[in-house]
Amino acid sequence: MFGDNVDTDVLAPGLYMKGPIAELARHCLEALDPRFAREARPGDMVVAGSNFGMGSSREQAVMALKALGIAAVVAKSFARIFYRNAMNLALPVLVSAEAGAVAAGDRLVVRAGEGVIENLTQRRRLACEPIPPHLLAMIADGGLLPHLAKKLRAAGA
């Protein structure tokens, strides 16, 4: 679990911003955990404290997590711009006051629409703020732009 105030500069270090997203992703969170990007597996979730994604508005912070296959981020709270960027890029972000109860390596199952996180390792249920249906639909469509394109196609535009 990562602590409070994880900055977008740590998620997407400026030194690697001009390169391809795959290179940037290899350095995601390395200032806090040098092994993170190397050991992250598709479907893994990031768990953190308060104010996750604070700092600059760089979308690359979300893109780096997605490039690593991160399925969701669970935190006590999020910086507003990071939260919106995550939703726009189809990365589920879940606000849970109980995020601190998750230990590194715990297996989680998220039911975002219900506001439930099942910690299979601890056999414990944690509450989170449910993601509203319109945002779940946007995530399912692949993010804001694909969602809007789908809506325009449906409207015959």
Protein backbone atom coordinates (compact mmCIF):
# COMPACT_ATOMS: atom_id res chain seq x y z
CA MET A 1 0.00 0.00 0.00
CA PHE A 2 1.19 3.48 -0.86
CA GLY A 3 0.75 6.31 1.62
CA ASP A 4 -0.77 9.76 1.36
CA ASN A 5 -0.08 12.45 -1.24
CA VAL A 6 1.22 10.27 -4.06
CA ASP A 7 2.13 12.88 -6.66
CA THR A 8 1.62 12.62 -10.41
CA ASP A 9 5.35 13.35 -10.73
CA VAL A 10 5.99 10.00 -9.03
CA LEU A 11 3.42 8.23 -11.19
CA ALA A 12 4.78 9.75 -14.40
CA PRO A 13 8.32 11.08 -13.79
CA GLY A 14 9.06 14.18 -15.86
CA LEU A 15 12.39 12.79 -17.09
CA TYR A 16 10.52 10.19 -19.16
CA MET A 17 7.54 12.25 -20.34
CA LYS A 18 8.80 12.77 -23.89
CA GLY A 19 9.31 9.09 -24.58
CA PRO A 20 6.78 6.38 -25.37
CA ILE A 21 4.22 5.52 -22.71
CA ALA A 22 5.77 2.06 -22.27
CA GLU A 23 9.05 3.67 -21.21
CA LEU A 24 7.26 6.07 -18.86
CA ALA A 25 5.35 3.16 -17.33
CA ARG A 26 8.62 1.36 -16.54
CA HIS A 27 9.37 4.22 -14.12
CA CYS A 28 5.91 4.56 -12.59
CA LEU A 29 6.10 4.91 -8.80
CA GLU A 30 9.81 3.97 -8.77
CA ALA A 31 10.61 6.77 -6.30
CA LEU A 32 8.32 5.06 -3.77
CA ASP A 33 8.89 1.42 -4.75
CA PRO A 34 11.68 0.71 -7.26
CA ARG A 35 10.19 -2.74 -7.98
CA PHE A 36 6.62 -1.59 -8.62
CA ALA A 37 6.60 -1.37 -12.43
CA ARG A 38 8.73 -4.49 -12.82
CA GLU A 39 6.48 -6.56 -10.54
CA ALA A 40 3.07 -5.16 -11.53
CA ARG A 41 0.88 -7.66 -13.35
CA PRO A 42 -2.24 -7.11 -15.44
CA GLY A 43 -5.23 -7.05 -13.12
CA ASP A 44 -3.29 -5.76 -10.11
CA MET A 45 -4.73 -2.90 -8.10
CA VAL A 46 -2.96 0.02 -6.49
CA VAL A 47 -4.01 0.86 -2.94
CA ALA A 48 -3.08 4.15 -1.29
CA GLY A 49 -3.94 6.66 1.39
CA SER A 50 -5.36 10.14 0.96
CA ASN A 51 -4.95 12.60 -1.92
CA PHE A 52 -3.72 10.08 -4.50
CA GLY A 53 -2.70 11.73 -7.77
CA MET A 54 -2.05 15.19 -6.39
CA GLY A 55 0.13 17.59 -8.34
CA SER A 56 0.03 18.36 -12.02
CA SER A 57 -2.84 17.46 -14.30
CA ARG A 58 -0.79 15.11 -16.46
CA GLU A 59 -2.93 12.38 -17.99
CA GLN A 60 0.23 10.33 -18.41
CA ALA A 61 0.00 9.42 -14.71
CA VAL A 62 -3.14 7.42 -15.48
CA MET A 63 -1.76 6.20 -18.80
CA ALA A 64 1.31 4.75 -17.08
CA LEU A 65 -0.85 2.77 -14.64
CA LYS A 66 -3.01 1.50 -17.50
CA ALA A 67 0.08 0.54 -19.53
CA LEU A 68 1.16 -1.65 -16.61
CA GLY A 69 -2.26 -3.33 -16.63
CA ILE A 70 -3.44 -1.84 -13.34
CA ALA A 71 -7.15 -2.70 -13.08
CA ALA A 72 -8.15 -0.10 -10.48
CA VAL A 73 -6.87 2.27 -7.82
CA VAL A 74 -8.35 2.19 -4.32
CA ALA A 75 -7.52 5.13 -2.06
CA LYS A 76 -8.91 7.05 0.88
CA SER A 77 -9.26 10.07 -1.44
CA PHE A 78 -8.08 11.34 -4.81
CA ALA A 79 -6.94 14.64 -6.19
CA ARG A 80 -9.86 15.87 -8.28
CA ILE A 81 -8.02 16.16 -11.59
CA PHE A 82 -6.50 12.68 -11.24
CA TYR A 83 -9.93 11.23 -10.45
CA ARG A 84 -11.41 12.81 -13.56
CA ASN A 85 -8.46 11.82 -15.76
CA ALA A 86 -8.78 8.24 -14.52
CA MET A 87 -12.47 8.09 -15.37
CA ASN A 88 -11.86 9.73 -18.76
CA LEU A 89 -9.23 7.09 -19.55
CA ALA A 90 -11.31 4.16 -18.18
CA LEU A 91 -9.30 3.42 -15.04
CA PRO A 92 -11.69 2.72 -12.16
CA VAL A 93 -10.80 4.69 -9.04
CA LEU A 94 -12.53 3.82 -5.80
CA VAL A 95 -12.74 5.99 -2.72
CA SER A 96 -12.62 3.88 0.43
CA ALA A 97 -12.04 5.11 3.95
CA GLU A 98 -10.94 1.54 4.67
CA ALA A 99 -8.14 1.44 2.09
CA GLY A 100 -5.57 1.29 4.90
CA ALA A 101 -6.83 -2.18 5.87
CA VAL A 102 -5.44 -3.67 2.64
CA ALA A 103 -1.98 -5.21 2.85
CA ALA A 104 0.47 -5.61 -0.02
CA GLY A 105 -0.35 -8.76 -1.95
CA ASP A 106 -3.97 -9.01 -0.79
CA ARG A 107 -6.27 -10.27 -3.52
CA LEU A 108 -9.18 -7.91 -4.11
CA VAL A 109 -12.42 -8.14 -6.04
CA VAL A 110 -14.15 -4.84 -6.72
CA ARG A 111 -17.86 -4.39 -7.27
CA ALA A 112 -17.65 -0.73 -8.19
CA GLY A 113 -21.34 -0.17 -8.83
CA GLU A 114 -22.28 -1.66 -5.47
CA GLY A 115 -19.60 0.10 -3.46
CA VAL A 116 -17.98 -3.12 -2.27
CA ILE A 117 -14.39 -4.33 -2.23
CA GLU A 118 -13.93 -7.98 -1.26
CA ASN A 119 -10.54 -8.69 0.28
CA LEU A 120 -10.26 -12.40 -0.51
CA THR A 121 -6.99 -12.75 1.37
CA GLN A 122 -8.34 -11.36 4.63
CA ARG A 123 -11.88 -12.64 4.03
CA ARG A 124 -13.15 -9.18 4.69
CA ARG A 125 -15.55 -6.82 2.96
CA LEU A 126 -14.61 -3.16 2.65
CA ALA A 127 -16.93 -0.32 1.73
CA CYS A 128 -16.18 2.16 -1.02
CA GLU A 129 -18.13 4.90 -2.71
CA PRO A 130 -20.05 3.32 -5.58
CA ILE A 131 -19.16 4.53 -9.04
CA PRO A 132 -22.33 5.98 -10.58
CA PRO A 133 -23.88 4.06 -13.51
CA HIS A 134 -23.09 6.77 -16.09
CA LEU A 135 -19.38 6.60 -15.17
CA LEU A 136 -19.41 2.79 -15.16
CA ALA A 137 -20.84 2.94 -18.69
CA MET A 138 -18.08 5.33 -19.73
CA ILE A 139 -15.43 3.01 -18.26
CA ALA A 140 -17.00 -0.01 -19.99
CA ASP A 141 -16.87 1.85 -23.30
CA GLY A 142 -13.14 2.48 -22.90
CA GLY A 143 -13.21 6.04 -21.56
CA LEU A 144 -14.71 9.40 -22.40
CA LEU A 145 -13.86 9.65 -26.11
CA PRO A 146 -14.99 6.14 -27.06
CA HIS A 147 -18.11 6.65 -24.92
CA LEU A 148 -18.98 9.90 -26.70
CA ALA A 149 -18.30 8.32 -30.10
CA LYS A 150 -20.67 5.48 -29.22
CA LYS A 151 -23.36 7.96 -28.16
CA LEU A 152 -22.96 9.96 -31.37
CA ARG A 153 -23.20 6.80 -33.50
CA ALA A 154 -26.36 5.79 -31.61
CA ALA A 155 -27.84 9.24 -32.22
CA GLY A 156 -27.07 8.95 -35.94
CA ALA A 157 -24.61 11.81 -35.92
